[in-house]
Structure formats: structure tokens, C-alpha cells
Amino acid sequence: MELMQVNGVRLEVQRLAPSRRAGSGDARGAGAGNPPAGPARPGPPAGGLAPLVFLHEGLGSVSLWRDWPQRLCDATGRAGVVYSRRGYGRSDPVPDVRSVGRLRPDYMHREALDVLPALLAGLGINTPVLVGHSDGATIALLHASRHTVAACVVMAPHVVVEDVSVRSIAQAREAYLAAGLRERLARHHADVDGAFWQWNDIWLDPAFRSFDIRAECAAITAPLLAIQGEDDEYGTMAQIDEIARATPHTRLLKLAACGHSPQRDQPEAALAAITAFLAS
């Protein structure tokens, strides 16, 4: 684990190396580059395969991904990078997050178009495979709409704001205040209050209800896999169906017995689908 300066902010970054070469994959990308390897691991290097860059959910962090990114790196034979956005994990906090530091409705655009390009440049990655979950999936879509990527994998993305999303986020606020959610999240965030309120406040702001990135999705030309759980409490199948309407080459995977986090609820199915997608 390291702290990396990106646009004057220290971000928590974890670099992963595959423990074995499990597939050749087609999403290489000319000059894709791999991040420098972390601790030595057995097996051959990832070679010319484009590295995986993992983008976390609204309350996520490096540690909340657990071992799933490493497992995907191992399955695909690719190097990987996991990072925590500002205010999450061990990254620098956002000052006055409930006043002058409050997120604005375009916060995911800013992450996708300002922060992520600078992070990738600092890592020497020219053409990544983006793997995003929830807010991170939306950030991946926005980045892929304006920048070259080898491929884009999105799990439980948000392309519009649905009533079910707002209801569940309001319930998360109650759980944070009275039902132990704060204590559980505190294990993963240095500034747990900042992490929670920057996400919760903007999603419950009436100004955010008009958030809609379907037009941006139409500009994506890279291979795209969209995964959604049938029991997702934060969004309906309309999210990935709208992506497919805007971007007809999108591959869809709809998982039964799966909520908002395919990598936790159906980890093997998600691993298999992404590995096959990148090898096709």
C-alpha cells in the first residue's frame, strides 16, 4: 500500500501482480503499460496485457474490495491497481465535507475526467481496463466516453437517479446514525464521517435528481460489459438496459440471487464472466 500524490492530494493506492497467467485476453491496448509490480508473486509477468484499474463504490475503499481484485488479476493474468478516492480509505480527507467541501452534482464527472487521468498518468498506464462498481462504475463509463480504454466492466452502475436509489440511500442514513453502520465502516475509512456524508448528502440533494449520463454512454466505443444483480436495492435493470440502448455493443449480465455488489454476492459468476469477456 502507498500514498500517491495526484493533483495535490494523497490517494491510497495498492498495486497488484497476477500470481499466474490464466488467459491471453484480447483487450491489450497498444502501449497499455503495466504498473510497477508490488511484492513478488509466483508466475510469469502480465506481459502486454492492459492492466485492471478498480474503481470503488460510494462508500468503498481499497480494503472494502477485500481479495476480489487480486482474484480477478490472477484469473485474467493481468496486473491491477486499486485506489481509494479522496475522502475514502486512507486517502486525504475532504475538509468541511458538509459545507464548503460538499460534493456537487458533477462529482463523478470530475473524478472521471480530472482525477483518474492524472492517476493513470502517474502510474504510467496509457490504456487500462476499467473495472468499476456502483459510483465507480459510473466513473468508469464517464472516463471511457472521453478517453481511450482497452475495455470497460461496470457492476451496478448508475446512469440515472431512480426512486429506489434515493429510498435506499435515505435508509442508509438511518443505519449510519442508529444501526451500527458507522462502526462497520470505521474499519475501512480514516475519516468515516467524511466518507459517509460526502456520499449520502449529494445523493439526497434534490439538485442531483436530474443526474443522467445516457448521452455520455453513447460515446463509448471500447468493449463494454455491464453486470447487474436482480435484487439490487440501489437500482433496477433499467440502469444497464439504458446503457445497452445508448451503446448497442454492450454485453449484459443479469445475475439472480444478487444484490448491489456482484463481487460479493456472486463472486464466482462475476469472475467467470469478466475473465471470459476479456479473453474474447
C-alpha atoms as a PDB file:
ATOM      1  CA  MET A   1       0.000   0.000   0.000  1.00  0.00           C
ATOM      2  CA  GLU A   2       1.220   3.522  -0.750  1.00  0.00           C
ATOM      3  CA  LEU A   3       0.041   7.118  -0.766  1.00  0.00           C
ATOM      4  CA  MET A   4       0.401   8.726  -4.185  1.00  0.00           C
ATOM      5  CA  GLN A   5       0.187  12.440  -4.925  1.00  0.00           C
ATOM      6  CA  VAL A   6      -2.492  13.161  -7.534  1.00  0.00           C
ATOM      7  CA  ASN A   7      -3.442  16.774  -8.249  1.00  0.00           C
ATOM      8  CA  GLY A   8      -2.026  17.789  -4.880  1.00  0.00           C
ATOM      9  CA  VAL A   9      -3.975  15.138  -2.929  1.00  0.00           C
ATOM     10  CA  ARG A  10      -2.574  11.937  -1.432  1.00  0.00           C
ATOM     11  CA  LEU A  11      -4.527   8.891  -2.625  1.00  0.00           C
ATOM     12  CA  GLU A  12      -4.251   5.389  -1.190  1.00  0.00           C
ATOM     13  CA  VAL A  13      -3.027   3.046  -3.946  1.00  0.00           C
ATOM     14  CA  GLN A  14      -2.494  -0.705  -3.996  1.00  0.00           C
ATOM     15  CA  ARG A  15      -0.680  -2.362  -6.893  1.00  0.00           C
ATOM     16  CA  LEU A  16      -1.370  -6.000  -7.699  1.00  0.00           C
ATOM     17  CA  ALA A  17       0.526  -8.561  -9.738  1.00  0.00           C
ATOM     18  CA  PRO A  18      -1.083 -11.765 -11.039  1.00  0.00           C
ATOM     19  CA  SER A  19       0.014 -14.950  -9.339  1.00  0.00           C
ATOM     20  CA  ARG A  20      -0.388 -16.876 -12.575  1.00  0.00           C
ATOM     21  CA  ARG A  21      -1.093 -16.307 -16.262  1.00  0.00           C
ATOM     22  CA  ALA A  22      -4.613 -17.628 -16.760  1.00  0.00           C
ATOM     23  CA  GLY A  23      -5.509 -16.315 -20.187  1.00  0.00           C
ATOM     24  CA  SER A  24      -4.231 -14.284 -23.087  1.00  0.00           C
ATOM     25  CA  GLY A  25      -7.128 -11.841 -23.398  1.00  0.00           C
ATOM     26  CA  ASP A  26      -7.743  -9.556 -26.340  1.00  0.00           C
ATOM     27  CA  ALA A  27      -8.087  -6.241 -24.520  1.00  0.00           C
ATOM     28  CA  ARG A  28      -4.407  -5.381 -24.696  1.00  0.00           C
ATOM     29  CA  GLY A  29      -4.281  -1.823 -25.974  1.00  0.00           C
ATOM     30  CA  ALA A  30      -1.234  -0.535 -27.824  1.00  0.00           C
ATOM     31  CA  GLY A  31       1.350   0.598 -25.301  1.00  0.00           C
ATOM     32  CA  ALA A  32      -1.046  -0.220 -22.485  1.00  0.00           C
ATOM     33  CA  GLY A  33       1.733  -0.447 -19.914  1.00  0.00           C
ATOM     34  CA  ASN A  34       1.604  -2.182 -16.591  1.00  0.00           C
ATOM     35  CA  PRO A  35       2.005  -0.613 -13.161  1.00  0.00           C
ATOM     36  CA  PRO A  36       5.254  -1.474 -11.407  1.00  0.00           C
ATOM     37  CA  ALA A  37       4.809  -4.765  -9.596  1.00  0.00           C
ATOM     38  CA  GLY A  38       4.197  -4.842  -5.867  1.00  0.00           C
ATOM     39  CA  PRO A  39       5.517  -7.661  -3.687  1.00  0.00           C
ATOM     40  CA  ALA A  40       6.958 -10.509  -5.729  1.00  0.00           C
ATOM     41  CA  ARG A  41       4.446 -13.218  -6.590  1.00  0.00           C
ATOM     42  CA  PRO A  42       4.879 -16.554  -8.337  1.00  0.00           C
ATOM     43  CA  GLY A  43       4.161 -16.945 -12.004  1.00  0.00           C
ATOM     44  CA  PRO A  44       5.078 -15.102 -15.211  1.00  0.00           C
ATOM     45  CA  PRO A  45       4.514 -11.351 -15.662  1.00  0.00           C
ATOM     46  CA  ALA A  46       1.368  -9.954 -17.221  1.00  0.00           C
ATOM     47  CA  GLY A  47       3.278  -9.092 -20.404  1.00  0.00           C
ATOM     48  CA  GLY A  48       1.471  -6.728 -22.778  1.00  0.00           C
ATOM     49  CA  LEU A  49      -1.985  -7.173 -21.303  1.00  0.00           C
ATOM     50  CA  ALA A  50      -3.722  -3.950 -20.306  1.00  0.00           C
ATOM     51  CA  PRO A  51      -3.853  -3.669 -16.512  1.00  0.00           C
ATOM     52  CA  LEU A  52      -7.061  -3.659 -14.488  1.00  0.00           C
ATOM     53  CA  VAL A  53      -7.924  -0.444 -12.644  1.00  0.00           C
ATOM     54  CA  PHE A  54     -10.573  -0.887  -9.947  1.00  0.00           C
ATOM     55  CA  LEU A  55     -12.987   1.948  -9.104  1.00  0.00           C
ATOM     56  CA  HIS A  56     -14.901   1.560  -5.851  1.00  0.00           C
ATOM     57  CA  GLU A  57     -18.496   2.219  -4.797  1.00  0.00           C
ATOM     58  CA  GLY A  58     -19.848   5.285  -2.992  1.00  0.00           C
ATOM     59  CA  LEU A  59     -18.805   4.046   0.454  1.00  0.00           C
ATOM     60  CA  GLY A  60     -15.938   1.874  -0.760  1.00  0.00           C
ATOM     61  CA  SER A  61     -12.180   1.885  -0.364  1.00  0.00           C
ATOM     62  CA  VAL A  62      -9.170  -0.270  -1.161  1.00  0.00           C
ATOM     63  CA  SER A  63      -9.855  -2.551   1.821  1.00  0.00           C
ATOM     64  CA  LEU A  64     -13.587  -2.932   1.136  1.00  0.00           C
ATOM     65  CA  TRP A  65     -12.814  -4.681  -2.149  1.00  0.00           C
ATOM     66  CA  ARG A  66     -11.249  -7.431   0.024  1.00  0.00           C
ATOM     67  CA  ASP A  67      -9.434 -10.071  -2.078  1.00  0.00           C
ATOM     68  CA  TRP A  68     -11.658  -9.908  -5.157  1.00  0.00           C
ATOM     69  CA  PRO A  69      -9.366  -7.636  -7.241  1.00  0.00           C
ATOM     70  CA  GLN A  70      -6.442  -9.988  -6.622  1.00  0.00           C
ATOM     71  CA  ARG A  71      -8.592 -12.930  -7.663  1.00  0.00           C
ATOM     72  CA  LEU A  72      -9.547 -11.189 -10.908  1.00  0.00           C
ATOM     73  CA  CYS A  73      -5.902 -10.328 -11.603  1.00  0.00           C
ATOM     74  CA  ASP A  74      -4.999 -13.984 -11.037  1.00  0.00           C
ATOM     75  CA  ALA A  75      -7.846 -15.234 -13.249  1.00  0.00           C
ATOM     76  CA  THR A  76      -7.004 -12.911 -16.146  1.00  0.00           C
ATOM     77  CA  GLY A  77      -3.211 -12.861 -15.820  1.00  0.00           C
ATOM     78  CA  ARG A  78      -3.211  -9.077 -15.558  1.00  0.00           C
ATOM     79  CA  ALA A  79      -1.622  -6.572 -13.234  1.00  0.00           C
ATOM     80  CA  GLY A  80      -4.010  -4.347 -11.310  1.00  0.00           C
ATOM     81  CA  VAL A  81      -4.367  -1.115  -9.381  1.00  0.00           C
ATOM     82  CA  VAL A  82      -6.883  -0.415  -6.622  1.00  0.00           C
ATOM     83  CA  TYR A  83      -7.210   3.076  -5.160  1.00  0.00           C
ATOM     84  CA  SER A  84      -9.368   4.985  -2.707  1.00  0.00           C
ATOM     85  CA  ARG A  85     -10.867   8.256  -3.893  1.00  0.00           C
ATOM     86  CA  ARG A  86     -10.297  11.390  -1.838  1.00  0.00           C
ATOM     87  CA  GLY A  87     -12.115  11.165   1.493  1.00  0.00           C
ATOM     88  CA  TYR A  88     -12.200   7.360   1.458  1.00  0.00           C
ATOM     89  CA  GLY A  89      -9.970   4.692   2.929  1.00  0.00           C
ATOM     90  CA  ARG A  90      -6.571   6.142   3.857  1.00  0.00           C
ATOM     91  CA  SER A  91      -6.655   8.869   1.207  1.00  0.00           C
ATOM     92  CA  ASP A  92      -6.610  12.520   2.244  1.00  0.00           C
ATOM     93  CA  PRO A  93      -9.907  13.704   3.733  1.00  0.00           C
ATOM     94  CA  VAL A  94     -12.191  16.340   2.232  1.00  0.00           C
ATOM     95  CA  PRO A  95     -12.241  19.404   4.545  1.00  0.00           C
ATOM     96  CA  ASP A  96     -15.654  20.687   5.627  1.00  0.00           C
ATOM     97  CA  VAL A  97     -17.400  17.958   3.665  1.00  0.00           C
ATOM     98  CA  ARG A  98     -20.852  19.066   4.807  1.00  0.00           C
ATOM     99  CA  SER A  99     -20.337  22.753   3.965  1.00  0.00           C
ATOM    100  CA  VAL A 100     -17.744  24.280   1.621  1.00  0.00           C
ATOM    101  CA  GLY A 101     -16.302  20.839   0.780  1.00  0.00           C
ATOM    102  CA  ARG A 102     -19.683  19.331  -0.105  1.00  0.00           C
ATOM    103  CA  LEU A 103     -19.726  17.334  -3.332  1.00  0.00           C
ATOM    104  CA  ARG A 104     -21.516  18.836  -6.314  1.00  0.00           C
ATOM    105  CA  PRO A 105     -23.804  17.019  -8.744  1.00  0.00           C
ATOM    106  CA  ASP A 106     -20.929  16.646 -11.237  1.00  0.00           C
ATOM    107  CA  TYR A 107     -18.600  14.939  -8.724  1.00  0.00           C
ATOM    108  CA  MET A 108     -18.379  11.726 -10.734  1.00  0.00           C
ATOM    109  CA  HIS A 109     -17.578  13.684 -13.891  1.00  0.00           C
ATOM    110  CA  ARG A 110     -14.757  15.435 -12.029  1.00  0.00           C
ATOM    111  CA  GLU A 111     -13.353  12.119 -10.797  1.00  0.00           C
ATOM    112  CA  ALA A 112     -13.557  10.563 -14.266  1.00  0.00           C
ATOM    113  CA  LEU A 113     -12.202  13.492 -16.250  1.00  0.00           C
ATOM    114  CA  ASP A 114      -9.803  15.229 -13.846  1.00  0.00           C
ATOM    115  CA  VAL A 115      -8.571  12.816 -11.166  1.00  0.00           C
ATOM    116  CA  LEU A 116      -8.495   9.457 -12.952  1.00  0.00           C
ATOM    117  CA  PRO A 117      -6.459  10.688 -15.972  1.00  0.00           C
ATOM    118  CA  ALA A 118      -3.887  12.205 -13.594  1.00  0.00           C
ATOM    119  CA  LEU A 119      -3.719   8.999 -11.551  1.00  0.00           C
ATOM    120  CA  LEU A 120      -3.244   6.857 -14.655  1.00  0.00           C
ATOM    121  CA  ALA A 121      -0.523   9.184 -15.938  1.00  0.00           C
ATOM    122  CA  GLY A 122       1.285   8.949 -12.617  1.00  0.00           C
ATOM    123  CA  LEU A 123       1.105   5.165 -12.771  1.00  0.00           C
ATOM    124  CA  GLY A 124       2.332   5.052 -16.371  1.00  0.00           C
ATOM    125  CA  ILE A 125      -0.877   3.398 -17.592  1.00  0.00           C
ATOM    126  CA  ASN A 126      -1.947   4.538 -21.046  1.00  0.00           C
ATOM    127  CA  THR A 127      -4.817   2.186 -21.824  1.00  0.00           C
ATOM    128  CA  PRO A 128      -6.440   0.478 -18.828  1.00  0.00           C
ATOM    129  CA  VAL A 129      -9.224  -1.989 -18.401  1.00  0.00           C
ATOM    130  CA  LEU A 130     -11.585  -0.187 -16.041  1.00  0.00           C
ATOM    131  CA  VAL A 131     -13.493  -2.309 -13.512  1.00  0.00           C
ATOM    132  CA  GLY A 132     -15.998  -0.180 -11.619  1.00  0.00           C
ATOM    133  CA  HIS A 133     -18.678  -0.829  -9.030  1.00  0.00           C
ATOM    134  CA  SER A 134     -21.669   1.462  -8.330  1.00  0.00           C
ATOM    135  CA  ASP A 135     -20.355   5.070  -8.279  1.00  0.00           C
ATOM    136  CA  GLY A 136     -17.067   3.639  -9.538  1.00  0.00           C
ATOM    137  CA  ALA A 137     -18.899   2.051 -12.452  1.00  0.00           C
ATOM    138  CA  THR A 138     -20.416   5.410 -13.361  1.00  0.00           C
ATOM    139  CA  ILE A 139     -16.954   6.986 -13.185  1.00  0.00           C
ATOM    140  CA  ALA A 140     -15.659   4.226 -15.479  1.00  0.00           C
ATOM    141  CA  LEU A 141     -18.391   4.944 -18.035  1.00  0.00           C
ATOM    142  CA  LEU A 142     -17.701   8.666 -17.968  1.00  0.00           C
ATOM    143  CA  HIS A 143     -13.958   8.145 -18.387  1.00  0.00           C
ATOM    144  CA  ALA A 144     -14.465   5.670 -21.250  1.00  0.00           C
ATOM    145  CA  SER A 145     -16.731   8.174 -23.018  1.00  0.00           C
ATOM    146  CA  ARG A 146     -13.839  10.638 -23.354  1.00  0.00           C
ATOM    147  CA  HIS A 147     -10.623   8.623 -23.065  1.00  0.00           C
ATOM    148  CA  THR A 148      -9.192   5.521 -24.708  1.00  0.00           C
ATOM    149  CA  VAL A 149      -9.564   2.355 -22.641  1.00  0.00           C
ATOM    150  CA  ALA A 150      -8.906  -1.250 -23.591  1.00  0.00           C
ATOM    151  CA  ALA A 151     -12.245  -2.336 -22.111  1.00  0.00           C
ATOM    152  CA  CYS A 152     -14.772  -1.279 -19.509  1.00  0.00           C
ATOM    153  CA  VAL A 153     -16.523  -3.516 -16.964  1.00  0.00           C
ATOM    154  CA  VAL A 154     -19.282  -1.935 -14.874  1.00  0.00           C
ATOM    155  CA  MET A 155     -21.140  -3.569 -11.985  1.00  0.00           C
ATOM    156  CA  ALA A 156     -24.334  -1.956 -10.664  1.00  0.00           C
ATOM    157  CA  PRO A 157     -23.715   1.362 -12.459  1.00  0.00           C
ATOM    158  CA  HIS A 158     -25.828   4.493 -12.035  1.00  0.00           C
ATOM    159  CA  VAL A 159     -26.686   6.221 -15.303  1.00  0.00           C
ATOM    160  CA  VAL A 160     -29.813   7.925 -13.943  1.00  0.00           C
ATOM    161  CA  VAL A 161     -31.165   8.509 -10.437  1.00  0.00           C
ATOM    162  CA  GLU A 162     -34.079   6.207  -9.600  1.00  0.00           C
ATOM    163  CA  ASP A 163     -36.567   6.458  -6.741  1.00  0.00           C
ATOM    164  CA  VAL A 164     -35.325   3.126  -5.368  1.00  0.00           C
ATOM    165  CA  SER A 165     -31.799   4.542  -5.146  1.00  0.00           C
ATOM    166  CA  VAL A 166     -32.920   7.558  -3.148  1.00  0.00           C
ATOM    167  CA  ARG A 167     -35.038   5.428  -0.803  1.00  0.00           C
ATOM    168  CA  SER A 168     -32.169   3.036  -0.083  1.00  0.00           C
ATOM    169  CA  ILE A 169     -29.699   5.865   0.479  1.00  0.00           C
ATOM    170  CA  ALA A 170     -32.116   7.510   2.918  1.00  0.00           C
ATOM    171  CA  GLN A 171     -32.325   4.168   4.740  1.00  0.00           C
ATOM    172  CA  ALA A 172     -28.518   4.008   4.801  1.00  0.00           C
ATOM    173  CA  ARG A 173     -28.512   7.360   6.614  1.00  0.00           C
ATOM    174  CA  GLU A 174     -30.730   5.920   9.339  1.00  0.00           C
ATOM    175  CA  ALA A 175     -28.500   2.841   9.587  1.00  0.00           C
ATOM    176  CA  TYR A 176     -25.446   5.080   9.906  1.00  0.00           C
ATOM    177  CA  LEU A 177     -26.986   7.145  12.692  1.00  0.00           C
ATOM    178  CA  ALA A 178     -28.558   4.362  14.731  1.00  0.00           C
ATOM    179  CA  ALA A 179     -27.951   0.843  13.456  1.00  0.00           C
ATOM    180  CA  GLY A 180     -24.185   0.267  13.601  1.00  0.00           C
ATOM    181  CA  LEU A 181     -23.224   1.121  10.029  1.00  0.00           C
ATOM    182  CA  ARG A 182     -20.815   3.812  11.237  1.00  0.00           C
ATOM    183  CA  GLU A 183     -18.899   1.325  13.351  1.00  0.00           C
ATOM    184  CA  ARG A 184     -18.622  -1.163  10.483  1.00  0.00           C
ATOM    185  CA  LEU A 185     -17.392   1.458   8.036  1.00  0.00           C
ATOM    186  CA  ALA A 186     -14.890   2.908  10.517  1.00  0.00           C
ATOM    187  CA  ARG A 187     -12.687  -0.149   9.988  1.00  0.00           C
ATOM    188  CA  HIS A 188     -12.157   0.934   6.378  1.00  0.00           C
ATOM    189  CA  HIS A 189     -12.032   4.745   6.462  1.00  0.00           C
ATOM    190  CA  ALA A 190      -9.659   7.050   8.343  1.00  0.00           C
ATOM    191  CA  ASP A 191     -12.368   9.741   8.287  1.00  0.00           C
ATOM    192  CA  VAL A 192     -15.535   7.683   8.426  1.00  0.00           C
ATOM    193  CA  ASP A 193     -17.888  10.644   8.852  1.00  0.00           C
ATOM    194  CA  GLY A 194     -16.375  12.417   5.889  1.00  0.00           C
ATOM    195  CA  ALA A 195     -16.630   9.275   3.761  1.00  0.00           C
ATOM    196  CA  PHE A 196     -20.270   8.699   4.617  1.00  0.00           C
ATOM    197  CA  TRP A 197     -21.637  12.218   4.460  1.00  0.00           C
ATOM    198  CA  GLN A 198     -19.945  13.227   1.217  1.00  0.00           C
ATOM    199  CA  TRP A 199     -21.773  10.332  -0.464  1.00  0.00           C
ATOM    200  CA  ASN A 200     -25.070  10.499   1.391  1.00  0.00           C
ATOM    201  CA  ASP A 201     -25.551  14.263   1.224  1.00  0.00           C
ATOM    202  CA  ILE A 202     -25.111  14.580  -2.530  1.00  0.00           C
ATOM    203  CA  TRP A 203     -27.319  11.599  -3.351  1.00  0.00           C
ATOM    204  CA  LEU A 204     -30.130  13.025  -1.229  1.00  0.00           C
ATOM    205  CA  ASP A 205     -29.719  16.542  -2.629  1.00  0.00           C
ATOM    206  CA  PRO A 206     -32.696  17.461  -4.888  1.00  0.00           C
ATOM    207  CA  ALA A 207     -30.203  19.015  -7.320  1.00  0.00           C
ATOM    208  CA  PHE A 208     -28.805  15.529  -8.002  1.00  0.00           C
ATOM    209  CA  ARG A 209     -32.127  14.039  -9.146  1.00  0.00           C
ATOM    210  CA  SER A 210     -31.517  15.197 -12.716  1.00  0.00           C
ATOM    211  CA  PHE A 211     -28.199  13.323 -12.988  1.00  0.00           C
ATOM    212  CA  ASP A 212     -28.238  11.469 -16.333  1.00  0.00           C
ATOM    213  CA  ILE A 213     -25.235  10.172 -18.311  1.00  0.00           C
ATOM    214  CA  ARG A 214     -27.021   8.267 -21.076  1.00  0.00           C
ATOM    215  CA  ALA A 215     -25.738  10.719 -23.675  1.00  0.00           C
ATOM    216  CA  GLU A 216     -22.167  10.203 -22.495  1.00  0.00           C
ATOM    217  CA  CYS A 217     -22.592   6.411 -22.693  1.00  0.00           C
ATOM    218  CA  ALA A 218     -23.426   6.728 -26.387  1.00  0.00           C
ATOM    219  CA  ALA A 219     -19.849   7.938 -26.997  1.00  0.00           C
ATOM    220  CA  ILE A 220     -18.215   4.770 -25.640  1.00  0.00           C
ATOM    221  CA  THR A 221     -16.535   2.699 -28.337  1.00  0.00           C
ATOM    222  CA  ALA A 222     -14.487   0.306 -26.177  1.00  0.00           C
ATOM    223  CA  PRO A 223     -15.713  -3.213 -25.375  1.00  0.00           C
ATOM    224  CA  LEU A 224     -18.219  -2.887 -22.546  1.00  0.00           C
ATOM    225  CA  LEU A 225     -19.639  -5.431 -20.081  1.00  0.00           C
ATOM    226  CA  ALA A 226     -22.453  -4.328 -17.743  1.00  0.00           C
ATOM    227  CA  ILE A 227     -23.434  -6.514 -14.765  1.00  0.00           C
ATOM    228  CA  GLN A 228     -26.469  -6.035 -12.514  1.00  0.00           C
ATOM    229  CA  GLY A 229     -27.994  -8.094  -9.710  1.00  0.00           C
ATOM    230  CA  GLU A 230     -31.702  -8.861  -9.969  1.00  0.00           C
ATOM    231  CA  ASP A 231     -32.107  -7.983  -6.271  1.00  0.00           C
ATOM    232  CA  ASP A 232     -30.108  -4.741  -6.359  1.00  0.00           C
ATOM    233  CA  GLU A 233     -31.517  -2.487  -3.658  1.00  0.00           C
ATOM    234  CA  TYR A 234     -29.961   0.637  -5.199  1.00  0.00           C
ATOM    235  CA  GLY A 235     -31.109   0.311  -8.803  1.00  0.00           C
ATOM    236  CA  THR A 236     -33.220  -1.628 -11.279  1.00  0.00           C
ATOM    237  CA  MET A 237     -32.322  -3.365 -14.528  1.00  0.00           C
ATOM    238  CA  ALA A 238     -33.212  -0.099 -16.245  1.00  0.00           C
ATOM    239  CA  GLN A 239     -29.661   1.045 -15.451  1.00  0.00           C
ATOM    240  CA  ILE A 240     -27.861  -1.456 -17.649  1.00  0.00           C
ATOM    241  CA  ASP A 241     -30.719  -1.648 -20.156  1.00  0.00           C
ATOM    242  CA  GLU A 242     -30.300   2.091 -20.735  1.00  0.00           C
ATOM    243  CA  ILE A 243     -26.565   1.585 -21.261  1.00  0.00           C
ATOM    244  CA  ALA A 244     -27.301  -1.058 -23.899  1.00  0.00           C
ATOM    245  CA  ARG A 245     -29.735   1.278 -25.659  1.00  0.00           C
ATOM    246  CA  ALA A 246     -27.148   4.028 -25.765  1.00  0.00           C
ATOM    247  CA  THR A 247     -24.239   1.683 -26.577  1.00  0.00           C
ATOM    248  CA  PRO A 248     -25.551  -1.287 -28.603  1.00  0.00           C
ATOM    249  CA  HIS A 249     -22.311  -3.280 -28.458  1.00  0.00           C
ATOM    250  CA  THR A 250     -22.671  -3.619 -24.658  1.00  0.00           C
ATOM    251  CA  ARG A 251     -22.774  -7.136 -23.255  1.00  0.00           C
ATOM    252  CA  LEU A 252     -25.249  -7.544 -20.406  1.00  0.00           C
ATOM    253  CA  LEU A 253     -25.151  -9.961 -17.495  1.00  0.00           C
ATOM    254  CA  LYS A 254     -28.150 -10.088 -15.148  1.00  0.00           C
ATOM    255  CA  LEU A 255     -27.449 -12.149 -12.042  1.00  0.00           C
ATOM    256  CA  ALA A 256     -30.090 -13.913  -9.964  1.00  0.00           C
ATOM    257  CA  ALA A 257     -29.705 -14.038  -6.169  1.00  0.00           C
ATOM    258  CA  CYS A 258     -27.533 -10.925  -6.353  1.00  0.00           C
ATOM    259  CA  GLY A 259     -27.906  -7.510  -4.752  1.00  0.00           C
ATOM    260  CA  HIS A 260     -25.925  -4.337  -5.326  1.00  0.00           C
ATOM    261  CA  SER A 261     -22.479  -5.960  -5.142  1.00  0.00           C
ATOM    262  CA  PRO A 262     -21.893  -8.771  -7.669  1.00  0.00           C
ATOM    263  CA  GLN A 263     -18.290  -9.132  -6.500  1.00  0.00           C
ATOM    264  CA  ARG A 264     -19.560 -10.046  -3.021  1.00  0.00           C
ATOM    265  CA  ASP A 265     -22.950 -11.660  -3.739  1.00  0.00           C
ATOM    266  CA  GLN A 266     -21.917 -13.691  -6.799  1.00  0.00           C
ATOM    267  CA  PRO A 267     -18.108 -13.506  -6.864  1.00  0.00           C
ATOM    268  CA  GLU A 268     -17.516 -16.635  -8.928  1.00  0.00           C
ATOM    269  CA  ALA A 269     -20.082 -15.681 -11.564  1.00  0.00           C
ATOM    270  CA  ALA A 270     -18.623 -12.186 -11.818  1.00  0.00           C
ATOM    271  CA  LEU A 271     -15.062 -13.518 -12.076  1.00  0.00           C
ATOM    272  CA  ALA A 272     -16.018 -16.029 -14.764  1.00  0.00           C
ATOM    273  CA  ALA A 273     -17.972 -13.504 -16.823  1.00  0.00           C
ATOM    274  CA  ILE A 274     -15.253 -10.838 -16.732  1.00  0.00           C
ATOM    275  CA  THR A 275     -12.481 -13.344 -17.472  1.00  0.00           C
ATOM    276  CA  ALA A 276     -14.393 -14.673 -20.490  1.00  0.00           C
ATOM    277  CA  PHE A 277     -15.227 -11.154 -21.663  1.00  0.00           C
ATOM    278  CA  LEU A 278     -11.585 -10.048 -21.579  1.00  0.00           C
ATOM    279  CA  ALA A 279     -10.455 -13.220 -23.356  1.00  0.00           C
ATOM    280  CA  SER A 280     -12.963 -12.835 -26.200  1.00  0.00           C
END
